[in-house]
Amino acid sequence: MKSLAPSPDSLVQPLVAAGAPAATPIAFVRAIALAYERRGLSPHRALAQAQIAPQLLQDDSARITAWQMEQISDAAMQELDDEALGWFNRRLPWGSYGMLARASISSPTLQVALARWCRHHGLLTDDIALHLTTQGDAATLAITEARDLGALREFCLVSVLRNAHGLACWMVDSRIPLIAAEFAFDAPPHADAYAVLFRGPVTFHAPRTAIHFDARYLHLPLRRDEQALRQMLQHALPLTVLQYRRDRLLVQRVRQLLAAPLLKPSGQPAHALPQHSAESLAALLHVSPRTLHRQLKEEGATLQGLKDDVRRTRAVELLHRTQRPIKQVAEAAGFENEKSFIRAFRGWTGKSPAEFRREI
């Protein structure tokens, strides 16, 4: 099985040999070359297959394309017969990660699948351990290091997290945005690549190595079967990266942001809904406004429709449970003035807010 971990530039466009942007740090190629060296083998054939000039390994600022990273990883895994590419004390023979994927594919939910992946990964190697935990609304996939991984540490930890995250996205056929990523090592010279590898805030020199995401994704059912798995294992990189522009929880996430009350300078809730624009929401979701509108359309929703729904729910709740003046209800529901609120409310219910309140 080819590595499930994508290189940075493969996240933004299809794999092509020519004309693709070079964003993958040469440090990852050096790590593969080191694995060859430790086995007393030469990486020259793999470098040639990936069209990487050997002298490029001496240039700390050099970058390669996703296609090149895929080619050298594929060649190295087969030549070394090690899907871990030298990370661990024990080799992981060709097909090891495919075996883990098969053990997870029958799970009813992503939570069960990832828990199995973490548990079964420990059967392959005890050099590291993977842990899936939840706390509140956040899920965390963390790595514990049982030994010093040495010069291959960064490449190992990055790849293992990307493997698990990429497989999780594939299993539920959805993009799973990261809330944050943290690494228990200092920022490398190529730290800028991490902004693409792990979209969202990235922290170095952290107490642990982990990724964090919305725990609601754990409850999604798996959407892949054994046949789909066999196809994915034949060419893992594109299938684990390029198919996940869709976010199956996008509508819920947008609704949650729209319904979150504004905060006062003191940090206390101001009991008023924020007046988000497409631009402000897109920034919070780490997508472009155009992508936000497109993905909402794919889910059968519109931003204006979600705004109206959230405002209507808030207004009805306040009219039903409180005696606040209509003007205050309008403000709390995210309207700039009472007149526009009354007009919108009449469009939703066929009644004015005052009429609606009297009939409750």
Protein backbone atom coordinates (compact mmCIF):
# COMPACT_ATOMS: atom_id res chain seq x y z
CA MET A 1 0.00 0.00 0.00
CA LYS A 2 1.28 3.44 -0.81
CA SER A 3 1.50 5.97 1.98
CA LEU A 4 -1.78 7.72 2.69
CA ALA A 5 0.06 10.87 3.72
CA PRO A 6 -0.10 13.63 1.09
CA SER A 7 2.61 16.12 0.45
CA PRO A 8 1.61 19.78 0.92
CA ASP A 9 1.01 20.79 -2.67
CA SER A 10 -1.16 17.75 -3.37
CA LEU A 11 -3.80 19.27 -1.15
CA VAL A 12 -4.52 22.07 -3.54
CA GLN A 13 -4.38 20.58 -7.02
CA PRO A 14 -4.23 17.24 -8.89
CA LEU A 15 -0.96 15.41 -9.25
CA VAL A 16 0.90 16.30 -12.43
CA ALA A 17 4.51 15.73 -13.33
CA ALA A 18 4.97 18.97 -15.19
CA GLY A 19 3.91 22.46 -14.25
CA ALA A 20 2.93 21.54 -10.68
CA PRO A 21 4.06 23.86 -7.89
CA ALA A 22 6.90 22.54 -5.75
CA ALA A 23 5.86 22.81 -2.09
CA THR A 24 7.08 19.60 -0.45
CA PRO A 25 10.23 20.21 1.66
CA ILE A 26 13.38 18.47 0.46
CA ALA A 27 13.87 17.42 4.10
CA PHE A 28 11.30 14.66 3.58
CA VAL A 29 13.31 13.32 0.63
CA ARG A 30 16.48 13.44 2.72
CA ALA A 31 14.70 11.34 5.34
CA ILE A 32 13.93 8.71 2.70
CA ALA A 33 17.55 8.80 1.49
CA LEU A 34 18.67 8.26 5.10
CA ALA A 35 16.47 5.17 5.33
CA TYR A 36 18.28 3.79 2.25
CA GLU A 37 21.66 4.62 3.80
CA ARG A 38 20.81 2.75 7.01
CA ARG A 39 20.01 -0.34 4.94
CA GLY A 40 23.25 -0.04 3.01
CA LEU A 41 21.36 0.72 -0.20
CA SER A 42 21.45 3.52 -2.75
CA PRO A 43 18.44 5.81 -3.34
CA HIS A 44 19.58 6.73 -6.85
CA ARG A 45 17.00 4.63 -8.70
CA ALA A 46 14.16 6.03 -6.59
CA LEU A 47 15.47 9.57 -7.07
CA ALA A 48 15.66 9.02 -10.82
CA GLN A 49 12.11 7.64 -10.92
CA ALA A 50 10.93 10.78 -9.13
CA GLN A 51 13.05 13.03 -11.37
CA ILE A 52 14.90 14.45 -8.35
CA ALA A 53 18.52 15.45 -8.97
CA PRO A 54 20.76 14.01 -6.17
CA GLN A 55 22.45 17.38 -5.64
CA LEU A 56 19.06 18.86 -4.74
CA LEU A 57 19.26 17.04 -1.39
CA GLN A 58 22.01 19.45 -0.33
CA ASP A 59 19.81 22.51 -0.84
CA ASP A 60 17.86 23.19 2.37
CA SER A 61 15.48 25.54 0.56
CA ALA A 62 14.63 23.11 -2.25
CA ARG A 63 11.07 21.87 -2.73
CA ILE A 64 9.59 19.10 -4.88
CA THR A 65 6.12 18.52 -6.32
CA ALA A 66 3.48 16.15 -4.98
CA TRP A 67 3.99 13.88 -7.98
CA GLN A 68 7.70 13.60 -7.18
CA MET A 69 7.00 12.80 -3.52
CA GLU A 70 4.53 10.13 -4.57
CA GLN A 71 7.04 8.58 -6.96
CA ILE A 72 9.96 8.42 -4.55
CA SER A 73 7.76 7.15 -1.68
CA ASP A 74 6.33 4.42 -3.90
CA ALA A 75 9.76 3.32 -5.09
CA ALA A 76 11.29 3.42 -1.61
CA MET A 77 8.50 1.43 0.06
CA GLN A 78 8.95 -1.37 -2.46
CA GLU A 79 12.75 -1.36 -2.55
CA LEU A 80 13.06 -1.22 1.23
CA ASP A 81 9.97 -3.40 1.75
CA ASP A 82 9.01 -0.94 4.45
CA GLU A 83 5.89 1.22 4.34
CA ALA A 84 7.23 3.14 7.33
CA LEU A 85 10.32 4.16 5.32
CA GLY A 86 12.71 3.45 8.16
CA TRP A 87 10.84 5.25 10.94
CA PHE A 88 10.60 2.28 13.29
CA ASN A 89 12.90 -0.39 14.71
CA ARG A 90 10.86 -2.97 12.83
CA ARG A 91 10.04 -2.78 9.14
CA LEU A 92 6.41 -2.61 8.06
CA PRO A 93 6.26 -4.89 5.00
CA TRP A 94 4.34 -3.89 1.88
CA GLY A 95 0.62 -4.14 2.67
CA SER A 96 0.87 -3.39 6.40
CA TYR A 97 -1.18 -0.19 6.32
CA GLY A 98 -3.63 -1.82 3.92
CA MET A 99 -4.22 -4.46 6.59
CA LEU A 100 -5.01 -1.75 9.14
CA ALA A 101 -7.42 -0.11 6.70
CA ARG A 102 -9.24 -3.41 6.14
CA ALA A 103 -9.59 -3.89 9.88
CA SER A 104 -11.27 -0.47 10.15
CA ILE A 105 -13.47 -0.39 7.05
CA SER A 106 -16.29 -2.47 8.60
CA SER A 107 -16.77 0.00 11.46
CA PRO A 108 -20.20 1.62 11.83
CA THR A 109 -18.81 5.10 12.55
CA LEU A 110 -15.60 7.05 12.14
CA GLN A 111 -15.03 6.95 15.89
CA VAL A 112 -14.95 3.15 15.92
CA ALA A 113 -12.81 3.07 12.78
CA LEU A 114 -10.18 5.45 14.17
CA ALA A 115 -10.15 3.69 17.52
CA ARG A 116 -9.44 0.43 15.69
CA TRP A 117 -6.74 2.11 13.59
CA CYS A 118 -5.01 3.38 16.74
CA ARG A 119 -5.25 0.03 18.49
CA HIS A 120 -4.08 -2.02 15.51
CA HIS A 121 -1.24 0.38 14.74
CA GLY A 122 0.22 -0.69 18.06
CA LEU A 123 0.38 -4.25 16.75
CA LEU A 124 2.66 -3.12 13.92
CA THR A 125 5.09 -1.17 16.08
CA ASP A 126 5.54 -0.18 19.70
CA ASP A 127 7.88 2.70 18.87
CA ILE A 128 4.89 5.05 18.94
CA ALA A 129 1.30 4.83 20.17
CA LEU A 130 -1.76 6.58 18.75
CA HIS A 131 -4.57 7.81 21.00
CA LEU A 132 -8.04 9.06 20.06
CA THR A 133 -9.79 11.11 22.76
CA THR A 134 -12.66 13.56 23.00
CA GLN A 135 -13.15 16.48 25.35
CA GLY A 136 -16.23 18.60 24.96
CA ASP A 137 -16.74 19.41 21.28
CA ALA A 138 -13.19 18.55 20.23
CA ALA A 139 -11.62 15.26 19.19
CA THR A 140 -7.87 14.72 19.46
CA LEU A 141 -5.62 12.24 17.70
CA ALA A 142 -2.29 12.24 19.52
CA ILE A 143 1.00 10.38 19.21
CA THR A 144 3.09 9.16 22.15
CA GLU A 145 6.73 8.40 21.39
CA ALA A 146 8.13 5.34 23.17
CA ARG A 147 11.68 5.85 21.90
CA ASP A 148 13.88 8.46 20.30
CA LEU A 149 12.97 8.49 16.60
CA GLY A 150 16.15 10.36 15.77
CA ALA A 151 16.66 12.07 12.42
CA LEU A 152 13.44 10.56 11.01
CA ARG A 153 11.28 11.95 13.82
CA GLU A 154 9.66 14.84 11.96
CA PHE A 155 8.97 12.82 8.81
CA CYS A 156 7.51 10.00 10.90
CA LEU A 157 5.18 12.11 13.06
CA VAL A 158 3.94 14.22 10.14
CA SER A 159 3.31 11.16 7.99
CA VAL A 160 1.51 9.15 10.68
CA LEU A 161 -0.87 12.02 11.43
CA ARG A 162 -1.48 12.66 7.74
CA ASN A 163 -2.07 8.94 7.17
CA ALA A 164 -4.76 8.82 9.84
CA HIS A 165 -6.35 12.12 8.85
CA GLY A 166 -6.32 11.27 5.16
CA LEU A 167 -7.85 7.86 5.79
CA ALA A 168 -10.52 9.37 8.04
CA CYS A 169 -11.53 11.81 5.29
CA TRP A 170 -11.66 8.99 2.77
CA MET A 171 -13.74 6.69 4.97
CA VAL A 172 -16.52 9.26 5.53
CA ASP A 173 -16.07 10.89 2.09
CA SER A 174 -15.77 14.33 3.64
CA ARG A 175 -13.25 17.01 4.34
CA ILE A 176 -12.48 17.08 8.08
CA PRO A 177 -11.13 20.55 8.88
CA LEU A 178 -8.54 20.71 11.62
CA ILE A 179 -9.08 23.00 14.58
CA ALA A 180 -5.35 22.91 15.30
CA ALA A 181 -2.19 20.85 14.95
CA GLU A 182 0.67 20.75 17.42
CA PHE A 183 4.12 19.19 17.29
CA ALA A 184 6.53 18.34 20.06
CA PHE A 185 9.55 19.57 18.13
CA ASP A 186 10.93 22.98 17.23
CA ALA A 187 9.79 24.72 14.08
CA PRO A 188 11.82 23.37 11.14
CA PRO A 189 13.30 25.66 8.45
CA HIS A 190 10.40 24.64 6.17
CA ALA A 191 7.71 25.44 8.76
CA ASP A 192 5.72 27.38 6.16
CA ALA A 193 4.78 24.06 4.50
CA TYR A 194 2.80 23.08 7.59
CA ALA A 195 0.18 25.74 6.88
CA VAL A 196 -0.73 23.69 3.81
CA LEU A 197 -0.18 20.23 5.28
CA PHE A 198 -2.29 20.95 8.35
CA ARG A 199 -4.79 23.67 7.50
CA GLY A 200 -5.52 25.66 10.61
CA PRO A 201 -3.33 26.92 13.47
CA VAL A 202 -0.04 25.04 13.84
CA THR A 203 2.07 25.09 17.02
CA PHE A 204 5.64 23.86 17.42
CA HIS A 205 7.57 23.01 20.59
CA ALA A 206 4.27 21.79 22.05
CA PRO A 207 3.88 19.32 24.95
CA ARG A 208 2.67 16.65 22.51
CA THR A 209 2.14 15.88 18.84
CA ALA A 210 -1.54 15.86 17.89
CA ILE A 211 -4.29 17.10 15.60
CA HIS A 212 -7.64 18.40 16.82
CA PHE A 213 -10.97 18.45 14.98
CA ASP A 214 -14.69 18.79 15.61
CA ALA A 215 -15.85 15.71 17.51
CA ARG A 216 -19.10 15.57 15.54
CA TYR A 217 -17.20 14.07 12.61
CA LEU A 218 -16.63 10.98 14.73
CA HIS A 219 -20.35 10.18 14.56
CA LEU A 220 -20.47 10.10 10.75
CA PRO A 221 -21.08 6.68 9.22
CA LEU A 222 -18.45 5.15 6.95
CA ARG A 223 -19.27 5.50 3.25
CA ARG A 224 -16.73 3.05 1.81
CA ASP A 225 -16.80 -0.70 1.27
CA GLU A 226 -14.23 -3.40 0.55
CA GLN A 227 -14.33 -2.79 -3.19
CA ALA A 228 -13.69 0.92 -2.72
CA LEU A 229 -10.85 0.06 -0.34
CA ARG A 230 -9.17 -2.18 -2.92
CA GLN A 231 -9.31 0.62 -5.47
CA MET A 232 -7.97 3.17 -3.00
CA LEU A 233 -5.04 0.97 -2.01
CA GLN A 234 -3.92 0.78 -5.63
CA HIS A 235 -3.41 4.55 -5.77
CA ALA A 236 -3.86 5.95 -2.30
CA LEU A 237 -2.58 9.53 -2.53
CA PRO A 238 -5.10 11.11 -4.94
CA LEU A 239 -8.05 9.29 -3.39
CA THR A 240 -7.21 10.38 0.13
CA VAL A 241 -6.62 14.01 -0.78
CA LEU A 242 -8.41 15.28 -3.84
CA GLN A 243 -11.91 13.95 -3.16
CA TYR A 244 -12.56 15.84 0.06
CA ARG A 245 -13.66 19.28 -0.94
CA ARG A 246 -17.06 18.33 0.44
CA ASP A 247 -17.65 18.88 4.16
CA ARG A 248 -20.60 16.83 5.36
CA LEU A 249 -20.91 18.90 8.53
CA LEU A 250 -20.61 22.26 6.79
CA VAL A 251 -24.27 23.24 7.27
CA GLN A 252 -24.07 22.43 10.98
CA ARG A 253 -20.81 24.35 11.37
CA VAL A 254 -22.16 27.43 9.58
CA ARG A 255 -25.35 27.31 11.62
CA GLN A 256 -23.31 27.06 14.82
CA LEU A 257 -21.20 30.10 13.90
CA LEU A 258 -24.29 32.11 12.97
CA ALA A 259 -25.99 31.21 16.25
CA ALA A 260 -23.01 31.95 18.50
CA PRO A 261 -23.80 35.14 20.48
CA LEU A 262 -21.46 38.09 20.29
CA LEU A 263 -19.19 38.74 23.25
CA LYS A 264 -18.84 41.94 25.22
CA PRO A 265 -15.35 43.35 25.86
CA SER A 266 -15.57 41.66 29.27
CA GLY A 267 -15.94 38.30 27.54
CA GLN A 268 -19.54 37.86 28.62
CA PRO A 269 -22.22 37.01 26.00
CA ALA A 270 -23.93 40.07 24.58
CA HIS A 271 -27.05 38.02 23.71
CA ALA A 272 -27.01 39.32 20.15
CA LEU A 273 -26.38 37.23 17.07
CA PRO A 274 -23.34 38.19 14.97
CA GLN A 275 -23.94 39.72 11.56
CA HIS A 276 -21.56 37.50 9.65
CA SER A 277 -20.78 38.07 5.98
CA ALA A 278 -19.75 35.32 3.59
CA GLU A 279 -16.20 36.64 3.88
CA SER A 280 -16.08 36.48 7.70
CA LEU A 281 -17.62 33.02 7.81
CA ALA A 282 -15.29 31.73 5.10
CA ALA A 283 -12.28 33.01 7.05
CA LEU A 284 -13.43 31.17 10.18
CA LEU A 285 -13.93 27.98 8.16
CA HIS A 286 -10.59 28.33 6.32
CA VAL A 287 -12.20 28.36 2.86
CA SER A 288 -12.82 31.04 0.25
CA PRO A 289 -16.26 32.74 0.06
CA ARG A 290 -16.77 31.15 -3.35
CA THR A 291 -16.03 27.69 -1.95
CA LEU A 292 -18.38 28.33 0.96
CA HIS A 293 -21.28 29.19 -1.35
CA ARG A 294 -20.51 26.23 -3.64
CA GLN A 295 -20.33 23.71 -0.83
CA LEU A 296 -23.52 24.98 0.77
CA LYS A 297 -25.26 24.61 -2.59
CA GLU A 298 -24.01 21.03 -2.83
CA GLU A 299 -25.65 20.38 0.54
CA GLY A 300 -28.94 21.94 -0.62
CA ALA A 301 -28.54 25.09 1.46
CA THR A 302 -27.76 28.78 1.03
CA LEU A 303 -26.05 31.20 3.37
CA GLN A 304 -29.04 33.53 3.37
CA GLY A 305 -31.38 30.63 4.09
CA LEU A 306 -29.28 29.54 7.07
CA LYS A 307 -29.12 33.12 8.35
CA ASP A 308 -32.90 33.42 8.14
CA ASP A 309 -33.39 30.10 9.89
CA VAL A 310 -31.06 31.01 12.77
CA ARG A 311 -32.58 34.48 13.15
CA ARG A 312 -36.12 33.13 13.03
CA THR A 313 -35.34 30.49 15.68
CA ARG A 314 -33.77 33.10 17.93
CA ALA A 315 -36.62 35.56 17.50
CA VAL A 316 -39.33 32.98 18.16
CA GLU A 317 -37.50 31.78 21.27
CA LEU A 318 -37.26 35.31 22.69
CA LEU A 319 -40.84 36.21 21.86
CA HIS A 320 -42.02 33.00 23.50
CA ARG A 321 -39.85 33.02 26.63
CA THR A 322 -39.33 36.72 27.42
CA GLN A 323 -41.18 40.00 27.52
CA ARG A 324 -38.40 41.99 25.92
CA PRO A 325 -39.48 44.92 23.76
CA ILE A 326 -39.63 44.16 20.05
CA LYS A 327 -36.66 46.45 19.45
CA GLN A 328 -34.47 44.38 21.79
CA VAL A 329 -35.66 41.14 20.20
CA ALA A 330 -34.72 42.53 16.79
CA GLU A 331 -31.23 43.40 18.01
CA ALA A 332 -30.75 40.01 19.68
CA ALA A 333 -31.80 38.29 16.43
CA GLY A 334 -29.11 40.12 14.49
CA PHE A 335 -31.16 42.89 12.86
CA GLU A 336 -29.92 46.45 12.58
CA ASN A 337 -33.33 47.98 13.24
CA GLU A 338 -36.84 47.09 14.35
CA LYS A 339 -38.44 47.87 10.99
CA SER A 340 -36.37 45.37 9.02
CA PHE A 341 -36.99 42.75 11.70
CA ILE A 342 -40.77 43.18 11.58
CA ARG A 343 -40.72 42.93 7.78
CA ALA A 344 -38.61 39.75 7.87
CA PHE A 345 -40.67 38.18 10.66
CA ARG A 346 -43.91 38.79 8.79
CA GLY A 347 -42.35 37.10 5.75
CA TRP A 348 -41.43 34.06 7.87
CA THR A 349 -44.68 33.64 9.79
CA GLY A 350 -47.31 35.80 8.11
CA LYS A 351 -47.65 37.76 11.36
CA SER A 352 -45.93 40.68 13.05
CA PRO A 353 -43.83 39.92 16.16
CA ALA A 354 -46.47 41.56 18.36
CA GLU A 355 -49.27 39.47 16.82
CA PHE A 356 -47.20 36.31 17.18
CA ARG A 357 -46.53 37.05 20.87
CA ARG A 358 -50.20 37.70 21.63
CA GLU A 359 -51.19 34.34 20.15
CA ILE A 360 -48.68 32.31 22.12
